[in-house]
Structure formats: structure tokens, C-alpha cells
Amino acid sequence: MELQTIEIEGKTYAEIQDGKPLYKDGEKSVAFDAPGTVATIARINAEAKGNRERAQIAETSLKTFEGITDPAAAIAALGTVKNLDDKKLVDAGEVERVKAEAIKAVEEKYKPILEELDGLQGQLRQEKIGGSFARSKFIADKLAVPAHMVEKTFGDQFSIEDGKVIAKDSNGNQIYSKSKPGEIADFDEAMEIIVESSPYRDNIMKGLQQNGGGSKPGNGGGAGGQKTMTRAEYDAMPVGDRQTKMSDGFTLTE
């Protein structure tokens, strides 16, 4: 990125916004938060040190198991020795049967709890991620596509980690803020980065979407030749077909 400057009385000065120097990032201006960046670097260095120390501890612990090439066989052997030491002269098949029955009983006991937990996790995801799409100022101001349609297309790139909504790019990498280096991008900034890199950008950005002339009656033709589809038709399509329709310039009607 290049420092953004202004000329005042023949002298060149760095352009400042909210006390932060501005840098050019393509066609955009990004305010550089120097104190925040220094704090982030210090935090990352501390985390790296902690990771190194944990790795050293783990490496030291693993030396205890040098010479064991087949962990599964070693565990099985220890189980056999334990049975002999305890004088449990029980047929191995019987032991496995009892073990399987015990596991099944535990699974059946806690199955309702796990199902309830899955339901709560689904509700949490809908509230945090679905709510972020619904409340997004970027989607409302910049996109020509309804929030629920944007969620169906890009929702899989968002997840909840440590109670926070995290965005990832198409390669599965976390999306970081451009204005706050080292920090995770908030929802709207991440959404903007995802849309900017999407092949459907020109179809969903306000003022850029295609009019889609040449529509045929009965095949999504709308007023003025605009390609349209109903929300029910869109929801019934596979994800790949939705993206194709979006790429072709279709818009959603109720």
C-alpha cells in the first residue's frame, strides 16, 4: 500500500483521518491504526512464544514413548496384561460384547441431550450468523440482492468460533481486517471482501448488476426484459444452480 498525501502551500503532508494516516489500497483509502498494529504484533509474539513452549513440553513428553512404532498394538498389549494382572480370565470376545453394550447404553441415555444441544447450536448459528446478514449495513446499502439470498450464497463461509462470527475465504483461510492489520475482519468488512473477490460481484452490487435482456416468457422474464425468479423457485434450487442464476443476472421477486 502507498501513503496517501495532500499538498498544502506547496508542501506535501500525509493525509490524516481520525488521527490515522491514510494509505491507498487499490481504489480505496484505508486508515492505518499504528498503535493497534503494535499491540497486535506484541500479542501475536506472546502467542508464538506460548506455542513454542507448549511444543517443547510436548516434544519432551513424546520421548518417553520412543521405540513404540505401533501405538494401537501397544494399547492392546497393555489391556491384555491388565486383564492377566487382575486375573480376569474372560474371553476377549465377551469383554468386547460387554464394552459395546455399555457404550450403547450411554449413547441411548444421552442421545436426547445431544439432539437438544444440536438444536441449540443451530439456533445460535441462525441468530448470530443469520442475524448478521439481516442486520448488515453493507448488504442493505451496497447489494442489489436480499439479505436472505446473500446468506444462502455466502453463508457457508461464516462460522462461530469462541462465540464470535468468523469469515473465511474460498480457500478456508480466515479473513483479516485491512484497516486493522492482524485483527479478524468484522462481518461487514469480511462481507465486502468476499463480494469483491466473487465472480458474481457485478451481478449483485448495486449499479453493477446486468439488466439481463433477451429473457424468454416462462423462463424468468420480467418487466423490461429483466430476468427474475420467485423466492420459492430460488429456495428450491441446488446451491450451484442458484449461483448460475445469479451470474446470469437474475433478480428475486416475492
Protein backbone atom coordinates (compact mmCIF):
# COMPACT_ATOMS: atom_id res chain seq x y z
CA MET A 1 0.00 0.00 0.00
CA GLU A 2 1.11 3.62 -0.69
CA LEU A 3 0.89 6.53 1.74
CA GLN A 4 -1.83 8.97 0.69
CA THR A 5 -0.65 12.62 0.70
CA ILE A 6 -2.05 16.11 0.18
CA GLU A 7 -0.41 19.36 -0.95
CA ILE A 8 -0.76 22.42 1.29
CA GLU A 9 1.01 25.67 0.30
CA GLY A 10 3.49 23.78 -1.81
CA LYS A 11 4.39 21.27 0.88
CA THR A 12 3.48 17.58 0.96
CA TYR A 13 1.81 16.16 4.04
CA ALA A 14 0.42 12.73 4.95
CA GLU A 15 -3.38 12.74 4.74
CA ILE A 16 -4.94 12.06 8.16
CA GLN A 17 -8.36 10.65 9.06
CA ASP A 18 -9.44 10.38 12.72
CA GLY A 19 -5.81 10.80 13.73
CA LYS A 20 -4.63 7.95 11.46
CA PRO A 21 -2.60 8.23 8.21
CA LEU A 22 -4.41 7.11 5.07
CA TYR A 23 -2.95 4.56 2.65
CA LYS A 24 -4.11 3.70 -0.88
CA ASP A 25 -5.29 0.10 -1.29
CA GLY A 26 -6.24 -0.10 -4.96
CA GLU A 27 -9.05 2.41 -5.38
CA LYS A 28 -9.81 2.58 -1.65
CA SER A 29 -8.34 4.59 1.21
CA VAL A 30 -7.51 2.66 4.38
CA ALA A 31 -6.71 4.34 7.73
CA PHE A 32 -3.65 2.72 9.34
CA ASP A 33 -4.01 2.17 13.10
CA ALA A 34 -0.36 2.19 14.19
CA PRO A 35 -0.93 1.78 17.99
CA GLY A 36 -3.40 -1.04 17.33
CA THR A 37 -0.94 -2.73 14.97
CA VAL A 38 1.89 -2.53 17.52
CA ALA A 39 -0.38 -4.01 20.19
CA THR A 40 -1.44 -6.78 17.83
CA ILE A 41 2.18 -7.63 16.94
CA ALA A 42 3.03 -7.81 20.65
CA ARG A 43 0.06 -10.11 21.26
CA ILE A 44 0.99 -12.36 18.33
CA ASN A 45 4.60 -12.57 19.54
CA ALA A 46 3.38 -13.59 23.01
CA GLU A 47 1.13 -16.24 21.49
CA ALA A 48 4.02 -17.54 19.37
CA LYS A 49 6.21 -17.81 22.46
CA GLY A 50 3.49 -19.76 24.27
CA ASN A 51 3.12 -22.10 21.29
CA ARG A 52 6.89 -22.74 21.22
CA GLU A 53 6.92 -23.54 24.93
CA ARG A 54 3.98 -25.95 24.57
CA ALA A 55 5.71 -27.62 21.61
CA GLN A 56 8.88 -28.12 23.65
CA ILE A 57 6.89 -29.68 26.51
CA ALA A 58 5.09 -31.98 24.08
CA GLU A 59 8.37 -32.99 22.43
CA THR A 60 9.89 -33.85 25.81
CA SER A 61 6.83 -35.93 26.74
CA LEU A 62 6.92 -37.84 23.45
CA LYS A 63 10.48 -39.00 24.10
CA THR A 64 9.02 -41.29 26.78
CA PHE A 65 7.36 -43.30 24.00
CA GLU A 66 10.39 -43.67 21.74
CA GLY A 67 10.62 -47.15 20.25
CA ILE A 68 6.83 -47.68 20.07
CA THR A 69 6.08 -47.98 16.35
CA ASP A 70 2.55 -49.34 16.63
CA PRO A 71 0.54 -47.42 19.28
CA ALA A 72 -2.62 -49.48 18.67
CA ALA A 73 -0.76 -52.76 19.29
CA ALA A 74 0.88 -51.30 22.41
CA ILE A 75 -2.50 -50.27 23.84
CA ALA A 76 -3.95 -53.72 23.09
CA ALA A 77 -0.99 -55.37 24.81
CA LEU A 78 -1.42 -53.20 27.90
CA GLY A 79 -5.09 -54.19 28.03
CA THR A 80 -4.18 -57.88 27.88
CA VAL A 81 -1.60 -57.51 30.66
CA LYS A 82 -4.13 -55.66 32.82
CA ASN A 83 -6.64 -58.49 32.41
CA LEU A 84 -3.99 -61.03 33.41
CA ASP A 85 -2.82 -58.96 36.38
CA ASP A 86 -6.41 -58.65 37.61
CA LYS A 87 -6.93 -62.40 36.99
CA LYS A 88 -9.84 -61.55 34.70
CA LEU A 89 -9.77 -64.73 32.67
CA VAL A 90 -12.64 -63.62 30.49
CA ASP A 91 -12.89 -64.46 26.84
CA ALA A 92 -11.80 -61.45 24.74
CA GLY A 93 -14.99 -61.61 22.69
CA GLU A 94 -17.11 -61.43 25.85
CA VAL A 95 -15.18 -58.38 27.02
CA GLU A 96 -15.86 -56.65 23.71
CA ARG A 97 -19.56 -57.53 23.92
CA VAL A 98 -19.90 -56.07 27.40
CA LYS A 99 -17.99 -52.99 26.34
CA ALA A 100 -20.21 -52.48 23.26
CA GLU A 101 -23.39 -52.85 25.37
CA ALA A 102 -22.10 -50.30 27.87
CA ILE A 103 -21.30 -47.81 25.11
CA LYS A 104 -24.72 -48.30 23.53
CA ALA A 105 -26.46 -47.74 26.87
CA VAL A 106 -24.57 -44.48 27.39
CA GLU A 107 -25.32 -43.32 23.84
CA GLU A 108 -29.04 -44.01 24.24
CA LYS A 109 -29.13 -42.23 27.59
CA TYR A 110 -27.51 -39.07 26.31
CA LYS A 111 -28.94 -39.07 22.76
CA PRO A 112 -31.83 -36.68 23.66
CA ILE A 113 -29.36 -34.31 25.30
CA LEU A 114 -27.10 -34.34 22.24
CA GLU A 115 -30.07 -33.75 19.94
CA GLU A 116 -31.16 -30.81 22.08
CA LEU A 117 -27.60 -29.47 22.01
CA ASP A 118 -27.53 -29.74 18.21
CA GLY A 119 -30.80 -27.83 18.07
CA LEU A 120 -29.47 -25.09 20.33
CA GLN A 121 -26.30 -24.84 18.25
CA GLY A 122 -28.44 -24.45 15.14
CA GLN A 123 -30.46 -21.69 16.82
CA LEU A 124 -27.25 -19.98 17.91
CA ARG A 125 -25.88 -20.08 14.37
CA GLN A 126 -29.12 -18.71 12.94
CA GLU A 127 -29.19 -15.90 15.49
CA LYS A 128 -25.53 -14.86 15.20
CA ILE A 129 -24.83 -15.57 11.53
CA GLY A 130 -28.35 -15.19 10.09
CA GLY A 131 -28.84 -12.09 12.22
CA SER A 132 -25.55 -10.63 10.95
CA PHE A 133 -26.76 -11.00 7.37
CA ALA A 134 -30.16 -9.49 8.21
CA ARG A 135 -28.64 -6.52 10.07
CA SER A 136 -25.73 -5.91 7.67
CA LYS A 137 -25.42 -2.28 6.59
CA PHE A 138 -23.13 -3.31 3.72
CA ILE A 139 -25.75 -5.71 2.29
CA ALA A 140 -28.55 -3.16 2.70
CA ASP A 141 -26.61 -0.24 1.21
CA LYS A 142 -24.38 -1.87 -1.40
CA LEU A 143 -26.04 -5.04 -2.69
CA ALA A 144 -29.00 -5.39 -5.03
CA VAL A 145 -29.83 -8.84 -3.60
CA PRO A 146 -31.97 -9.53 -0.48
CA ALA A 147 -30.07 -10.46 2.69
CA HIS A 148 -31.55 -13.99 2.87
CA MET A 149 -30.42 -14.65 -0.72
CA VAL A 150 -26.91 -13.40 0.08
CA GLU A 151 -26.86 -15.71 3.13
CA LYS A 152 -27.81 -18.74 1.03
CA THR A 153 -24.95 -17.97 -1.37
CA PHE A 154 -22.18 -16.99 1.07
CA GLY A 155 -23.42 -18.32 4.43
CA ASP A 156 -21.12 -21.36 4.34
CA GLN A 157 -18.10 -19.03 4.55
CA PHE A 158 -19.10 -17.95 8.07
CA SER A 159 -18.83 -19.94 11.31
CA ILE A 160 -18.94 -19.36 15.05
CA GLU A 161 -15.65 -19.74 16.92
CA ASP A 162 -15.28 -18.81 20.59
CA GLY A 163 -18.68 -17.14 20.39
CA LYS A 164 -17.65 -14.85 17.51
CA VAL A 165 -18.74 -14.84 13.87
CA ILE A 166 -15.66 -15.68 11.78
CA ALA A 167 -15.45 -15.36 7.99
CA LYS A 168 -13.23 -17.44 5.71
CA ASP A 169 -12.31 -17.03 2.07
CA SER A 170 -12.90 -19.62 -0.64
CA ASN A 171 -9.68 -21.39 0.38
CA GLY A 172 -10.77 -21.76 4.01
CA ASN A 173 -8.45 -19.03 5.36
CA GLN A 174 -9.68 -16.57 7.96
CA ILE A 175 -10.35 -13.09 6.58
CA TYR A 176 -8.39 -10.35 8.34
CA SER A 177 -9.13 -6.64 8.51
CA LYS A 178 -7.38 -4.31 6.07
CA SER A 179 -7.76 -1.26 8.31
CA LYS A 180 -6.66 -3.12 11.47
CA PRO A 181 -3.79 -5.44 10.43
CA GLY A 182 -3.63 -8.63 12.47
CA GLU A 183 -7.25 -8.37 13.63
CA ILE A 184 -10.12 -10.55 12.35
CA ALA A 185 -12.40 -8.58 9.98
CA ASP A 186 -15.84 -7.74 11.35
CA PHE A 187 -18.90 -9.03 9.48
CA ASP A 188 -19.44 -6.10 7.12
CA GLU A 189 -15.77 -5.76 6.18
CA ALA A 190 -15.49 -9.52 5.63
CA MET A 191 -18.68 -9.49 3.54
CA GLU A 192 -17.29 -6.70 1.38
CA ILE A 193 -14.02 -8.61 0.83
CA ILE A 194 -15.93 -11.79 -0.08
CA VAL A 195 -18.17 -9.96 -2.57
CA GLU A 196 -15.23 -8.11 -4.13
CA SER A 197 -13.48 -11.43 -4.86
CA SER A 198 -16.66 -13.21 -6.01
CA PRO A 199 -17.21 -13.93 -9.73
CA TYR A 200 -20.78 -12.70 -9.18
CA ARG A 201 -19.71 -9.28 -7.92
CA ASP A 202 -21.06 -7.33 -10.90
CA ASN A 203 -24.39 -9.16 -10.66
CA ILE A 204 -25.10 -8.35 -7.03
CA MET A 205 -23.53 -4.93 -6.43
CA LYS A 206 -25.98 -2.04 -6.77
CA GLY A 207 -25.42 -0.17 -10.01
CA LEU A 208 -23.35 -3.02 -11.49
CA GLN A 209 -25.86 -5.84 -11.95
CA GLN A 210 -26.82 -6.78 -15.52
CA ASN A 211 -30.25 -5.96 -16.87
CA GLY A 212 -30.36 -9.39 -18.49
CA GLY A 213 -32.13 -8.52 -21.76
CA GLY A 214 -33.44 -11.25 -24.01
CA SER A 215 -35.41 -13.17 -21.40
CA LYS A 216 -37.97 -15.59 -22.69
CA PRO A 217 -41.52 -15.74 -21.35
CA GLY A 218 -41.93 -18.51 -18.82
CA ASN A 219 -38.17 -18.63 -18.22
CA GLY A 220 -37.71 -15.89 -15.70
CA GLY A 221 -38.60 -12.94 -17.95
CA GLY A 222 -39.60 -9.81 -16.03
CA ALA A 223 -40.69 -6.31 -16.86
CA GLY A 224 -38.47 -4.53 -19.36
CA GLY A 225 -36.63 -7.76 -20.27
CA GLN A 226 -35.20 -8.18 -16.74
CA LYS A 227 -34.60 -11.78 -15.64
CA THR A 228 -36.49 -12.63 -12.48
CA MET A 229 -37.43 -15.61 -10.36
CA THR A 230 -39.64 -16.04 -7.31
CA ARG A 231 -38.22 -16.64 -3.87
CA ALA A 232 -39.83 -20.10 -3.80
CA GLU A 233 -38.15 -21.02 -7.10
CA TYR A 234 -34.79 -19.82 -5.80
CA ASP A 235 -35.07 -21.71 -2.49
CA ALA A 236 -35.92 -24.94 -4.34
CA MET A 237 -32.75 -24.82 -6.46
CA PRO A 238 -29.45 -26.56 -5.62
CA VAL A 239 -26.71 -24.14 -4.49
CA GLY A 240 -24.83 -24.48 -7.77
CA ASP A 241 -27.91 -23.55 -9.80
CA ARG A 242 -28.56 -20.54 -7.58
CA GLN A 243 -25.08 -19.21 -8.28
CA THR A 244 -25.55 -19.81 -12.01
CA LYS A 245 -28.82 -17.87 -12.00
CA MET A 246 -27.17 -15.05 -10.08
CA SER A 247 -24.31 -14.99 -12.60
CA ASP A 248 -26.86 -14.76 -15.43
CA GLY A 249 -28.30 -11.58 -13.91
CA PHE A 250 -31.49 -12.91 -12.33
CA THR A 251 -33.16 -10.91 -9.57
CA LEU A 252 -35.54 -12.14 -6.89
CA THR A 253 -39.24 -11.33 -6.65
CA GLU A 254 -41.69 -12.28 -3.92
